N, C-alpha and C. Protein backbone atom coordinates (compact mmCIF):
# COMPACT_ATOMS: atom_id res chain seq x y z
N UNK A 1 74.62 182.10 157.81
CA UNK A 1 75.13 182.80 158.95
C UNK A 1 76.10 181.85 159.74
N UNK A 2 75.70 180.59 159.71
CA UNK A 2 76.68 179.62 160.46
C UNK A 2 78.02 179.55 159.91
N UNK A 3 78.07 179.56 158.41
CA UNK A 3 79.25 179.59 157.93
C UNK A 3 80.09 180.69 158.41
N UNK A 4 79.46 181.93 158.27
CA UNK A 4 80.22 183.16 158.66
C UNK A 4 80.53 183.15 160.19
N UNK A 5 79.88 182.43 160.96
CA UNK A 5 80.21 182.27 162.60
C UNK A 5 81.31 181.42 162.57
N UNK A 6 81.32 180.26 161.84
CA UNK A 6 82.54 179.23 161.83
C UNK A 6 83.84 179.79 161.58
N UNK A 7 83.76 180.76 160.53
CA UNK A 7 85.11 181.62 160.29
C UNK A 7 85.98 180.59 159.78
N UNK A 8 87.18 180.52 160.46
CA UNK A 8 88.20 179.75 159.91
C UNK A 8 88.36 178.46 160.93
N UNK A 9 87.35 178.07 161.52
CA UNK A 9 87.16 176.83 162.32
C UNK A 9 86.82 175.78 161.38
N UNK A 10 88.16 175.27 161.03
CA UNK A 10 88.21 174.10 159.91
C UNK A 10 87.41 172.88 160.44
N UNK A 11 87.32 172.59 161.65
CA UNK A 11 86.67 171.48 162.09
C UNK A 11 85.12 171.65 161.83
N UNK A 12 84.52 172.74 162.10
CA UNK A 12 83.17 173.13 161.79
C UNK A 12 82.89 173.07 160.31
N UNK A 13 83.71 173.49 159.46
CA UNK A 13 83.67 173.48 158.10
C UNK A 13 83.65 172.16 157.41
N UNK A 14 84.62 171.22 158.21
CA UNK A 14 84.69 169.85 157.68
C UNK A 14 83.42 169.11 157.98
N UNK A 15 82.84 169.31 159.18
CA UNK A 15 81.59 168.81 159.64
C UNK A 15 80.51 169.27 158.54
N UNK A 16 80.42 170.21 158.16
CA UNK A 16 79.48 170.64 157.08
C UNK A 16 79.56 169.94 155.89
N UNK A 17 80.92 169.82 155.36
CA UNK A 17 81.28 169.06 154.21
C UNK A 17 80.85 167.61 154.38
N UNK A 18 81.18 167.05 155.52
CA UNK A 18 80.90 165.59 155.78
C UNK A 18 79.35 165.30 155.66
N UNK A 19 78.60 166.23 156.26
CA UNK A 19 77.15 166.00 156.12
C UNK A 19 76.65 166.24 154.84
N UNK A 20 77.13 167.11 154.09
CA UNK A 20 76.63 167.36 152.55
C UNK A 20 77.13 166.07 151.92
N UNK A 21 78.20 165.52 152.11
CA UNK A 21 78.57 164.24 151.31
C UNK A 21 77.69 162.94 151.81
N UNK A 22 77.54 162.91 152.98
CA UNK A 22 76.55 161.92 153.64
C UNK A 22 75.20 162.00 152.90
N UNK A 23 74.61 163.30 152.79
CA UNK A 23 73.33 163.60 152.29
C UNK A 23 73.28 163.07 150.62
N UNK A 24 74.57 163.26 149.93
CA UNK A 24 74.75 163.12 148.63
C UNK A 24 74.61 161.42 148.42
N UNK A 25 75.03 160.85 149.47
CA UNK A 25 74.99 159.25 149.32
C UNK A 25 73.65 158.66 149.48
N UNK A 26 72.69 159.40 149.92
CA UNK A 26 71.36 158.90 150.10
C UNK A 26 70.50 158.58 148.77
N UNK A 27 69.46 158.06 148.92
CA UNK A 27 68.62 157.75 147.75
C UNK A 27 68.32 159.17 147.10
N UNK A 28 67.86 160.06 147.92
CA UNK A 28 67.34 161.36 147.54
C UNK A 28 68.34 162.35 147.54
N UNK A 29 69.63 162.13 147.17
CA UNK A 29 70.62 162.99 147.40
C UNK A 29 71.04 163.84 146.20
N UNK A 30 70.28 163.94 145.29
CA UNK A 30 70.61 164.63 144.01
C UNK A 30 71.07 166.07 144.33
N UNK A 31 70.14 166.69 145.02
CA UNK A 31 70.39 168.40 145.35
C UNK A 31 71.90 168.44 145.89
N UNK A 32 72.23 167.51 146.85
CA UNK A 32 73.48 167.51 147.46
C UNK A 32 74.53 167.28 146.42
N UNK A 33 74.33 166.47 145.57
CA UNK A 33 75.31 165.99 144.61
C UNK A 33 75.60 167.14 143.61
N UNK A 34 74.49 167.82 143.23
CA UNK A 34 74.46 169.03 142.36
C UNK A 34 75.45 170.12 143.15
N UNK A 35 74.95 170.24 144.47
CA UNK A 35 75.69 171.27 145.32
C UNK A 35 77.31 171.10 145.39
N UNK A 36 77.77 169.66 145.42
CA UNK A 36 78.98 169.41 145.54
C UNK A 36 79.78 169.54 144.16
N UNK A 37 78.98 169.32 143.13
CA UNK A 37 79.51 169.40 141.67
C UNK A 37 79.73 170.96 141.38
N UNK A 38 78.78 171.83 141.81
CA UNK A 38 78.91 173.14 141.55
C UNK A 38 80.14 173.77 142.22
N UNK A 39 80.50 173.19 143.44
CA UNK A 39 81.72 173.69 144.19
C UNK A 39 82.96 173.21 143.60
N UNK A 40 82.88 172.00 143.03
CA UNK A 40 84.24 171.50 142.47
C UNK A 40 84.46 171.92 141.06
N UNK A 41 83.41 171.98 140.13
CA UNK A 41 83.69 172.18 138.77
C UNK A 41 83.14 173.77 138.39
N UNK A 42 82.33 174.35 139.22
CA UNK A 42 81.70 175.54 139.02
C UNK A 42 80.19 175.12 138.14
N UNK A 43 79.40 176.04 138.43
CA UNK A 43 78.12 176.07 137.84
C UNK A 43 78.27 175.86 136.19
N UNK A 44 77.40 175.17 135.68
CA UNK A 44 77.34 175.20 134.10
C UNK A 44 76.89 176.54 133.85
N UNK A 45 77.30 177.04 132.51
CA UNK A 45 76.80 178.28 131.99
C UNK A 45 75.53 178.39 131.66
N UNK A 46 74.49 179.19 131.97
CA UNK A 46 73.12 179.33 131.63
C UNK A 46 73.17 180.14 130.30
N UNK A 47 72.28 179.66 129.41
CA UNK A 47 72.24 180.36 128.16
C UNK A 47 71.23 181.46 128.43
N UNK A 48 71.62 182.59 127.71
CA UNK A 48 70.84 183.85 127.84
C UNK A 48 69.82 183.70 126.63
N UNK A 49 68.54 184.32 127.15
CA UNK A 49 67.38 184.14 126.22
C UNK A 49 66.97 185.68 125.81
N UNK A 50 66.35 185.77 124.67
CA UNK A 50 65.73 187.19 124.37
C UNK A 50 64.21 186.84 124.43
N UNK A 51 63.48 187.88 124.07
CA UNK A 51 62.00 188.02 124.24
C UNK A 51 61.52 186.83 123.39
N UNK A 52 62.02 186.36 122.28
CA UNK A 52 61.36 185.32 121.59
C UNK A 52 61.88 183.89 122.06
N UNK A 53 62.52 183.84 123.21
CA UNK A 53 62.86 182.55 123.70
C UNK A 53 63.87 181.94 122.72
N UNK A 54 64.69 182.69 122.01
CA UNK A 54 65.68 182.15 121.24
C UNK A 54 67.12 182.34 121.89
N UNK A 55 68.04 181.49 121.84
CA UNK A 55 69.27 181.69 122.37
C UNK A 55 70.09 182.87 121.92
N UNK A 56 70.61 183.68 122.59
CA UNK A 56 71.53 184.61 122.09
C UNK A 56 72.76 183.99 121.43
N UNK A 57 73.20 184.62 120.27
CA UNK A 57 74.36 184.03 119.68
C UNK A 57 75.62 184.73 120.43
N UNK A 58 76.57 184.00 120.91
CA UNK A 58 77.71 184.53 121.55
C UNK A 58 78.94 184.65 120.55
N UNK A 59 79.38 185.88 120.63
CA UNK A 59 80.54 186.11 119.67
C UNK A 59 81.77 186.48 120.52
N UNK A 60 82.80 185.83 120.52
CA UNK A 60 84.17 186.22 121.25
C UNK A 60 85.07 186.75 120.27
N UNK A 61 85.60 187.85 120.64
CA UNK A 61 86.45 188.49 119.75
C UNK A 61 87.55 188.86 120.72
N UNK A 62 88.87 188.79 120.08
CA UNK A 62 90.20 188.99 120.90
C UNK A 62 90.19 190.49 121.03
N UNK A 63 90.72 190.86 122.18
CA UNK A 63 90.95 192.28 122.86
C UNK A 63 92.31 192.60 122.44
N UNK A 64 92.58 193.58 121.50
CA UNK A 64 93.91 193.97 121.08
C UNK A 64 94.28 195.29 121.73
N UNK A 65 95.35 195.56 122.29
CA UNK A 65 96.00 196.73 122.80
C UNK A 65 97.03 197.15 122.00
N UNK A 66 96.69 198.52 121.51
CA UNK A 66 97.74 199.02 120.66
C UNK A 66 98.37 200.23 121.36
N UNK A 67 99.57 200.20 121.37
CA UNK A 67 100.36 201.48 121.83
C UNK A 67 100.85 202.38 120.65
N UNK A 68 100.41 203.61 120.88
CA UNK A 68 100.67 204.56 119.80
C UNK A 68 101.84 205.64 120.22
N UNK A 69 102.55 205.86 119.47
CA UNK A 69 103.65 206.87 119.72
C UNK A 69 102.96 208.21 119.53
N UNK A 70 102.68 209.00 120.44
CA UNK A 70 102.09 210.30 120.26
C UNK A 70 103.02 211.28 119.44
N UNK A 71 104.26 211.07 119.49
CA UNK A 71 105.09 212.07 118.88
C UNK A 71 104.92 211.96 117.23
N UNK A 72 104.76 210.67 116.65
CA UNK A 72 104.71 210.73 115.27
C UNK A 72 103.44 209.87 114.73
N UNK A 73 102.64 209.47 115.77
CA UNK A 73 101.28 208.85 115.50
C UNK A 73 101.37 207.39 114.78
N UNK A 74 102.62 206.86 114.91
CA UNK A 74 102.72 205.62 114.39
C UNK A 74 102.55 204.48 115.36
N UNK A 75 101.97 203.38 115.05
CA UNK A 75 101.69 202.04 115.88
C UNK A 75 102.95 201.54 116.21
N UNK A 76 102.99 201.06 117.31
CA UNK A 76 104.20 200.19 117.87
C UNK A 76 103.65 198.71 117.97
């Protein structure tokens, strides 16, 4: 709610960032470090699990767009 209230107030947002950095520099700052890393690098992908607790196999296939001429049915 506070972030929404700050809106475009860059001073307030910088203060929040400064406090997060200060917290990351403490002995118990692991959670703050993870939060900063998630914002900079994005969260690490989480593996999907099935009922047997085995990781799903991810298969990536290219998406091909074919344009067909409706007059003669040939592919372009």
